[in-house]
Amino acid sequence: MEDILERIPTYLTILSTICGGVTIALLGGMAIWTFRDIHARSRDVLAQILATLLVIVLPVVGLVVYLMLRPRETLAEAYERSLEQEALLQAIEEPEVCPGCGQRVKSDYLYCPACHTRLKRACSECGRPLHLSWSLCPYCGTSIAPQALEPVPASQPEATPPQDTASET
């Protein structure tokens, strides 16, 4: 029994050393995690230092407070969201493309300059370009029958008048 009582201080020393090491490792891990997390969420160096110090000085309470106050999204998530918004805006504002060849065309083109596909038609009253599916001119209110998309031949032969005009005189 005396042998066990003599070894208790040694066992307590070993146990306290292990507990101290685990505690220091946990505190260090919380501090490192906090620094990495705030670094991913903010470019403000002061905010990064203060958040890390808060967790170091008040380990568990500081971590809870940090989790409540930290920014919702990381810088990478904010960047991705801005890219998505920009892509959506570009899709809205992108110029029209020809359904025949896929080339970019301007909104006032009646025919595709590359493949000669009819893109729009001119209003018979005001002359503005109209989509082929429209049944009404939005500019002047003229009623128009809708048409389907049709390609225009690349070269149309011109009709030549007969050469017999000299013999008629």
Protein backbone atom coordinates (compact mmCIF):
# COMPACT_ATOMS: atom_id res chain seq x y z
CA MET A 1 0.00 0.00 0.00
CA GLU A 2 2.83 2.36 0.83
CA ASP A 3 4.29 1.68 -2.59
CA ILE A 4 1.13 2.91 -4.26
CA LEU A 5 0.95 6.01 -2.04
CA GLU A 6 4.54 6.86 -2.92
CA ARG A 7 3.78 6.63 -6.65
CA ILE A 8 0.67 8.88 -6.55
CA PRO A 9 2.63 12.13 -7.00
CA THR A 10 4.32 10.60 -10.05
CA TYR A 11 0.97 9.52 -11.51
CA LEU A 12 -0.54 12.95 -10.81
CA THR A 13 2.41 14.61 -12.47
CA ILE A 14 2.02 12.44 -15.57
CA LEU A 15 -1.77 12.97 -15.63
CA SER A 16 -1.48 16.74 -15.19
CA THR A 17 1.18 16.88 -17.92
CA ILE A 18 -1.08 14.99 -20.33
CA CYS A 19 -4.10 17.16 -19.44
CA GLY A 20 -2.03 20.32 -19.79
CA GLY A 21 -0.70 19.18 -23.17
CA VAL A 22 -4.20 18.36 -24.44
CA THR A 23 -5.52 21.70 -23.16
CA ILE A 24 -2.69 23.65 -24.80
CA ALA A 25 -3.24 21.70 -28.04
CA LEU A 26 -6.98 22.48 -27.97
CA LEU A 27 -6.39 26.17 -27.23
CA GLY A 28 -3.76 26.37 -29.96
CA GLY A 29 -6.08 24.57 -32.38
CA MET A 30 -8.93 26.98 -31.58
CA ALA A 31 -6.65 29.96 -32.08
CA ILE A 32 -5.29 28.64 -35.39
CA TRP A 33 -8.78 27.71 -36.62
CA THR A 34 -10.08 31.16 -35.69
CA PHE A 35 -7.22 32.90 -37.47
CA ARG A 36 -7.70 30.82 -40.63
CA ASP A 37 -11.46 31.31 -40.56
CA ILE A 38 -11.34 35.09 -40.10
CA HIS A 39 -8.55 35.28 -42.70
CA ALA A 40 -10.87 33.56 -45.19
CA ARG A 41 -13.74 35.91 -44.30
CA SER A 42 -12.09 39.32 -43.96
CA ARG A 43 -9.16 41.24 -45.38
CA ASP A 44 -9.06 43.54 -42.36
CA VAL A 45 -5.86 42.73 -40.46
CA LEU A 46 -7.11 44.36 -37.27
CA ALA A 47 -10.24 42.17 -37.28
CA GLN A 48 -8.06 39.09 -37.80
CA ILE A 49 -5.81 39.98 -34.85
CA LEU A 50 -8.70 40.90 -32.54
CA ALA A 51 -10.65 37.73 -33.30
CA THR A 52 -7.60 35.56 -32.68
CA LEU A 53 -6.74 37.39 -29.44
CA LEU A 54 -10.34 37.05 -28.26
CA VAL A 55 -10.12 33.28 -28.60
CA ILE A 56 -6.69 33.12 -26.97
CA VAL A 57 -7.64 35.31 -23.97
CA LEU A 58 -11.14 33.85 -23.43
CA PRO A 59 -10.82 30.38 -24.94
CA VAL A 60 -14.33 28.90 -25.00
CA VAL A 61 -16.33 32.10 -24.48
CA GLY A 62 -14.20 33.95 -27.05
CA LEU A 63 -14.82 31.22 -29.61
CA VAL A 64 -18.57 31.38 -29.05
CA VAL A 65 -18.55 35.18 -29.36
CA TYR A 66 -16.45 34.96 -32.51
CA LEU A 67 -18.84 32.42 -34.04
CA MET A 68 -21.75 34.80 -33.37
CA LEU A 69 -20.02 37.86 -34.83
CA ARG A 70 -18.06 36.47 -37.77
CA PRO A 71 -19.04 37.40 -41.33
CA ARG A 72 -21.53 35.02 -42.93
CA GLU A 73 -19.68 34.23 -46.10
CA THR A 74 -16.05 33.77 -46.97
CA LEU A 75 -14.27 36.00 -49.44
CA ALA A 76 -14.26 33.13 -51.94
CA GLU A 77 -18.04 32.70 -51.60
CA ALA A 78 -18.57 36.43 -52.05
CA TYR A 79 -16.34 36.37 -55.15
CA GLU A 80 -18.25 33.40 -56.61
CA ARG A 81 -21.56 35.14 -55.93
CA SER A 82 -20.35 38.28 -57.67
CA LEU A 83 -19.18 36.21 -60.65
CA GLU A 84 -22.60 34.54 -60.86
CA GLN A 85 -24.33 37.91 -60.76
CA GLU A 86 -22.00 39.27 -63.45
CA ALA A 87 -22.64 36.22 -65.64
CA LEU A 88 -26.38 36.69 -65.26
CA LEU A 89 -26.09 40.36 -66.19
CA GLN A 90 -23.99 39.50 -69.23
CA ALA A 91 -26.53 36.88 -70.30
CA ILE A 92 -29.23 39.53 -70.13
CA GLU A 93 -27.17 42.14 -71.96
CA GLU A 94 -25.46 39.84 -74.48
CA PRO A 95 -25.96 40.65 -78.12
CA GLU A 96 -28.26 38.47 -80.16
CA VAL A 97 -26.93 35.46 -82.05
CA CYS A 98 -28.00 34.08 -85.39
CA PRO A 99 -30.09 30.88 -85.04
CA GLY A 100 -28.57 29.58 -88.28
CA CYS A 101 -24.83 29.89 -87.64
CA GLY A 102 -24.48 31.18 -84.07
CA GLN A 103 -22.60 34.34 -85.07
CA ARG A 104 -23.22 37.52 -83.08
CA VAL A 105 -25.56 39.92 -84.81
CA LYS A 106 -26.75 43.39 -83.92
CA SER A 107 -30.30 43.93 -82.78
CA ASP A 108 -31.20 45.99 -85.86
CA TYR A 109 -29.97 43.43 -88.43
CA LEU A 110 -32.66 42.00 -90.67
CA TYR A 111 -30.38 39.29 -92.11
CA CYS A 112 -27.30 37.49 -90.78
CA PRO A 113 -24.25 38.75 -92.70
CA ALA A 114 -22.53 35.35 -92.35
CA CYS A 115 -25.18 32.81 -93.36
CA HIS A 116 -27.90 35.09 -94.79
CA THR A 117 -30.59 33.77 -92.43
CA ARG A 118 -33.52 36.12 -92.08
CA LEU A 119 -33.43 37.37 -88.50
CA LYS A 120 -36.11 40.05 -88.52
CA ARG A 121 -38.34 41.88 -90.91
CA ALA A 122 -38.97 45.54 -91.39
CA CYS A 123 -42.30 47.00 -90.35
CA SER A 124 -44.31 48.02 -93.41
CA GLU A 125 -45.33 51.30 -91.75
CA CYS A 126 -42.35 52.60 -89.75
CA GLY A 127 -39.53 50.43 -91.16
CA ARG A 128 -38.14 49.35 -87.79
CA PRO A 129 -36.83 45.77 -87.37
CA LEU A 130 -39.36 43.33 -85.89
CA HIS A 131 -38.90 39.79 -84.61
CA LEU A 132 -40.40 37.27 -86.96
CA SER A 133 -42.73 35.94 -84.28
CA TRP A 134 -44.28 39.33 -83.48
CA SER A 135 -47.79 39.95 -84.74
CA LEU A 136 -47.78 43.65 -83.88
CA CYS A 137 -45.22 46.39 -84.34
CA PRO A 138 -44.43 47.74 -80.85
CA TYR A 139 -43.32 51.06 -82.33
CA CYS A 140 -46.30 52.06 -84.48
CA GLY A 141 -48.97 49.45 -83.67
CA THR A 142 -49.28 47.98 -87.16
CA SER A 143 -50.72 44.45 -87.20
CA ILE A 144 -48.37 41.93 -88.85
CA ALA A 145 -48.78 38.23 -89.63
CA PRO A 146 -46.05 36.12 -87.87
CA GLN A 147 -43.49 34.31 -90.04
CA ALA A 148 -41.10 31.41 -89.48
CA LEU A 149 -37.32 31.67 -89.70
CA GLU A 150 -36.03 30.92 -93.18
CA PRO A 151 -32.53 31.05 -94.66
CA VAL A 152 -31.93 33.34 -97.59
CA PRO A 153 -29.92 31.90 -100.49
CA ALA A 154 -26.32 33.12 -100.57
CA SER A 155 -26.58 34.45 -104.10
CA GLN A 156 -29.79 35.20 -105.96
CA PRO A 157 -29.49 35.23 -109.73
CA GLU A 158 -30.63 38.50 -111.18
CA ALA A 159 -33.17 38.39 -113.98
CA THR A 160 -31.63 39.63 -117.20
CA PRO A 161 -33.82 41.38 -119.73
CA PRO A 162 -33.94 39.91 -123.21
CA GLN A 163 -31.42 41.24 -125.72
CA ASP A 164 -33.98 41.69 -128.48
CA THR A 165 -34.53 45.38 -127.72
CA ALA A 166 -32.35 46.47 -130.62
CA SER A 167 -34.47 44.65 -133.22
CA GLU A 168 -37.70 46.31 -132.02
CA THR A 169 -36.56 49.78 -133.09
